[in-house]
């Protein structure tokens, strides 16, 4: 077998092996959407849109919002532009963003058990 044919054969086998390993793997999925059980919401987006974008509140917003966002901000912009950011989370010892709802998070601050 010539070196060229051997190299082609080896590349073909490697490509097939990679493709088969990719097809056999499954994506990592969370058991529940982030923060849904902690805040009793559909997902973390409901909290962000309800509390920081519209100011309606995540309890009142419902999910998925249908027309409520446009009505609530009506050309005025977000209720809390950029969200509360580190000015809320860190002084109150909450882990930043949705990580406070994730017990595996390595972020500093309080995590909901």
C-alpha atoms as a PDB file:
ATOM      1  CA  UNK A   1       0.000   0.000   0.000  1.00  0.00           C
ATOM      2  CA  UNK A   2       1.488   3.351  -0.988  1.00  0.00           C
ATOM      3  CA  UNK A   3       1.902   6.144   1.535  1.00  0.00           C
ATOM      4  CA  UNK A   4      -0.743   8.231  -0.271  1.00  0.00           C
ATOM      5  CA  UNK A   5      -3.390   5.489  -0.120  1.00  0.00           C
ATOM      6  CA  UNK A   6      -2.528   4.751   3.512  1.00  0.00           C
ATOM      7  CA  UNK A   7      -2.836   8.453   4.459  1.00  0.00           C
ATOM      8  CA  UNK A   8      -6.181   8.730   2.675  1.00  0.00           C
ATOM      9  CA  UNK A   9      -7.451   5.585   4.392  1.00  0.00           C
ATOM     10  CA  UNK A  10      -6.303   6.872   7.795  1.00  0.00           C
ATOM     11  CA  UNK A  11      -7.951  10.295   7.286  1.00  0.00           C
ATOM     12  CA  UNK A  12     -11.206   8.641   6.212  1.00  0.00           C
ATOM     13  CA  UNK A  13     -11.235   6.421   9.313  1.00  0.00           C
ATOM     14  CA  UNK A  14     -10.501   9.400  11.591  1.00  0.00           C
ATOM     15  CA  UNK A  15     -13.262  11.514  10.031  1.00  0.00           C
ATOM     16  CA  UNK A  16     -15.746   8.653  10.382  1.00  0.00           C
ATOM     17  CA  UNK A  17     -14.726   8.108  14.011  1.00  0.00           C
ATOM     18  CA  UNK A  18     -15.233  11.791  14.834  1.00  0.00           C
ATOM     19  CA  UNK A  19     -18.611  11.860  13.075  1.00  0.00           C
ATOM     20  CA  UNK A  20     -19.813   8.746  14.867  1.00  0.00           C
ATOM     21  CA  UNK A  21     -18.695  10.029  18.256  1.00  0.00           C
ATOM     22  CA  UNK A  22     -20.476  13.332  17.599  1.00  0.00           C
ATOM     23  CA  UNK A  23     -23.694  11.548  16.582  1.00  0.00           C
ATOM     24  CA  UNK A  24     -23.579   9.344  19.656  1.00  0.00           C
ATOM     25  CA  UNK A  25     -23.279  12.193  22.108  1.00  0.00           C
ATOM     26  CA  UNK A  26     -26.275  13.920  23.592  1.00  0.00           C
ATOM     27  CA  UNK A  27     -26.557  17.575  24.592  1.00  0.00           C
ATOM     28  CA  UNK A  28     -26.406  18.553  28.241  1.00  0.00           C
ATOM     29  CA  UNK A  29     -29.803  19.719  29.427  1.00  0.00           C
ATOM     30  CA  UNK A  30     -30.915  21.139  32.722  1.00  0.00           C
ATOM     31  CA  UNK A  31     -33.671  19.346  34.598  1.00  0.00           C
ATOM     32  CA  UNK A  32     -35.583  22.620  34.912  1.00  0.00           C
ATOM     33  CA  UNK A  33     -35.120  26.111  33.448  1.00  0.00           C
ATOM     34  CA  UNK A  34     -32.785  28.319  35.504  1.00  0.00           C
ATOM     35  CA  UNK A  35     -34.518  29.900  38.511  1.00  0.00           C
ATOM     36  CA  UNK A  36     -37.923  28.423  37.622  1.00  0.00           C
ATOM     37  CA  UNK A  37     -38.266  26.481  40.854  1.00  0.00           C
ATOM     38  CA  UNK A  38     -36.668  29.133  43.089  1.00  0.00           C
ATOM     39  CA  UNK A  39     -38.699  32.119  41.870  1.00  0.00           C
ATOM     40  CA  UNK A  40     -41.707  30.043  40.735  1.00  0.00           C
ATOM     41  CA  UNK A  41     -41.415  31.362  37.174  1.00  0.00           C
ATOM     42  CA  UNK A  42     -41.148  29.808  33.717  1.00  0.00           C
ATOM     43  CA  UNK A  43     -37.461  30.769  33.346  1.00  0.00           C
ATOM     44  CA  UNK A  44     -34.904  33.426  34.292  1.00  0.00           C
ATOM     45  CA  UNK A  45     -35.998  35.534  31.309  1.00  0.00           C
ATOM     46  CA  UNK A  46     -39.407  36.040  32.910  1.00  0.00           C
ATOM     47  CA  UNK A  47     -37.698  37.648  35.923  1.00  0.00           C
ATOM     48  CA  UNK A  48     -35.451  39.851  33.749  1.00  0.00           C
ATOM     49  CA  UNK A  49     -38.240  41.023  31.432  1.00  0.00           C
ATOM     50  CA  UNK A  50     -40.835  41.356  34.199  1.00  0.00           C
ATOM     51  CA  UNK A  51     -38.701  43.102  36.812  1.00  0.00           C
ATOM     52  CA  UNK A  52     -36.009  45.004  34.932  1.00  0.00           C
ATOM     53  CA  UNK A  53     -37.291  45.629  31.411  1.00  0.00           C
ATOM     54  CA  UNK A  54     -40.990  46.292  31.905  1.00  0.00           C
ATOM     55  CA  UNK A  55     -41.241  46.911  35.646  1.00  0.00           C
ATOM     56  CA  UNK A  56     -44.487  44.889  35.654  1.00  0.00           C
ATOM     57  CA  UNK A  57     -42.985  42.294  37.973  1.00  0.00           C
ATOM     58  CA  UNK A  58     -42.319  38.651  37.177  1.00  0.00           C
ATOM     59  CA  UNK A  59     -45.478  37.486  38.957  1.00  0.00           C
ATOM     60  CA  UNK A  60     -47.727  39.738  36.881  1.00  0.00           C
ATOM     61  CA  UNK A  61     -45.937  39.344  33.549  1.00  0.00           C
ATOM     62  CA  UNK A  62     -46.608  35.713  32.816  1.00  0.00           C
ATOM     63  CA  UNK A  63     -44.610  33.889  30.178  1.00  0.00           C
ATOM     64  CA  UNK A  64     -44.292  34.262  27.279  1.00  0.00           C
ATOM     65  CA  UNK A  65     -45.204  37.955  27.115  1.00  0.00           C
ATOM     66  CA  UNK A  66     -47.517  38.819  24.247  1.00  0.00           C
ATOM     67  CA  UNK A  67     -47.536  42.551  23.624  1.00  0.00           C
ATOM     68  CA  UNK A  68     -46.940  43.413  27.267  1.00  0.00           C
ATOM     69  CA  UNK A  69     -43.342  44.548  26.769  1.00  0.00           C
ATOM     70  CA  UNK A  70     -44.139  47.145  24.100  1.00  0.00           C
ATOM     71  CA  UNK A  71     -47.093  48.441  26.103  1.00  0.00           C
ATOM     72  CA  UNK A  72     -45.082  48.686  29.314  1.00  0.00           C
ATOM     73  CA  UNK A  73     -42.046  50.512  27.970  1.00  0.00           C
ATOM     74  CA  UNK A  74     -43.926  52.500  25.266  1.00  0.00           C
ATOM     75  CA  UNK A  75     -40.876  54.268  23.901  1.00  0.00           C
ATOM     76  CA  UNK A  76     -39.476  55.058  27.349  1.00  0.00           C
ATOM     77  CA  UNK A  77     -36.976  52.215  27.555  1.00  0.00           C
ATOM     78  CA  UNK A  78     -36.322  49.673  30.240  1.00  0.00           C
ATOM     79  CA  UNK A  79     -37.543  50.206  33.782  1.00  0.00           C
ATOM     80  CA  UNK A  80     -34.020  49.489  35.098  1.00  0.00           C
ATOM     81  CA  UNK A  81     -31.639  49.827  32.112  1.00  0.00           C
ATOM     82  CA  UNK A  82     -28.939  47.173  32.331  1.00  0.00           C
ATOM     83  CA  UNK A  83     -30.685  45.499  35.265  1.00  0.00           C
ATOM     84  CA  UNK A  84     -29.558  45.980  38.847  1.00  0.00           C
ATOM     85  CA  UNK A  85     -26.059  44.763  38.014  1.00  0.00           C
ATOM     86  CA  UNK A  86     -23.315  44.437  40.593  1.00  0.00           C
ATOM     87  CA  UNK A  87     -24.792  47.356  42.533  1.00  0.00           C
ATOM     88  CA  UNK A  88     -27.518  45.006  43.762  1.00  0.00           C
ATOM     89  CA  UNK A  89     -26.035  41.530  43.741  1.00  0.00           C
ATOM     90  CA  UNK A  90     -22.679  42.140  45.402  1.00  0.00           C
ATOM     91  CA  UNK A  91     -23.680  44.527  48.238  1.00  0.00           C
ATOM     92  CA  UNK A  92     -26.536  42.145  49.109  1.00  0.00           C
ATOM     93  CA  UNK A  93     -24.203  39.117  48.925  1.00  0.00           C
ATOM     94  CA  UNK A  94     -26.101  37.469  46.036  1.00  0.00           C
ATOM     95  CA  UNK A  95     -24.199  35.566  43.396  1.00  0.00           C
ATOM     96  CA  UNK A  96     -24.443  37.554  40.135  1.00  0.00           C
ATOM     97  CA  UNK A  97     -27.106  36.973  37.477  1.00  0.00           C
ATOM     98  CA  UNK A  98     -28.885  33.640  37.389  1.00  0.00           C
ATOM     99  CA  UNK A  99     -25.986  31.939  39.151  1.00  0.00           C
ATOM    100  CA  UNK A 100     -27.610  32.468  42.566  1.00  0.00           C
ATOM    101  CA  UNK A 101     -30.261  29.952  41.421  1.00  0.00           C
ATOM    102  CA  UNK A 102     -27.638  27.405  40.402  1.00  0.00           C
ATOM    103  CA  UNK A 103     -26.152  25.385  43.249  1.00  0.00           C
ATOM    104  CA  UNK A 104     -23.211  24.278  41.047  1.00  0.00           C
ATOM    105  CA  UNK A 105     -22.181  27.881  40.344  1.00  0.00           C
ATOM    106  CA  UNK A 106     -18.720  28.872  41.498  1.00  0.00           C
ATOM    107  CA  UNK A 107     -19.620  32.582  41.567  1.00  0.00           C
ATOM    108  CA  UNK A 108     -19.111  34.359  44.895  1.00  0.00           C
ATOM    109  CA  UNK A 109     -22.121  35.205  47.017  1.00  0.00           C
ATOM    110  CA  UNK A 110     -25.348  33.587  48.206  1.00  0.00           C
ATOM    111  CA  UNK A 111     -26.800  30.654  46.265  1.00  0.00           C
ATOM    112  CA  UNK A 112     -30.280  29.287  46.841  1.00  0.00           C
ATOM    113  CA  UNK A 113     -29.855  25.710  48.110  1.00  0.00           C
END
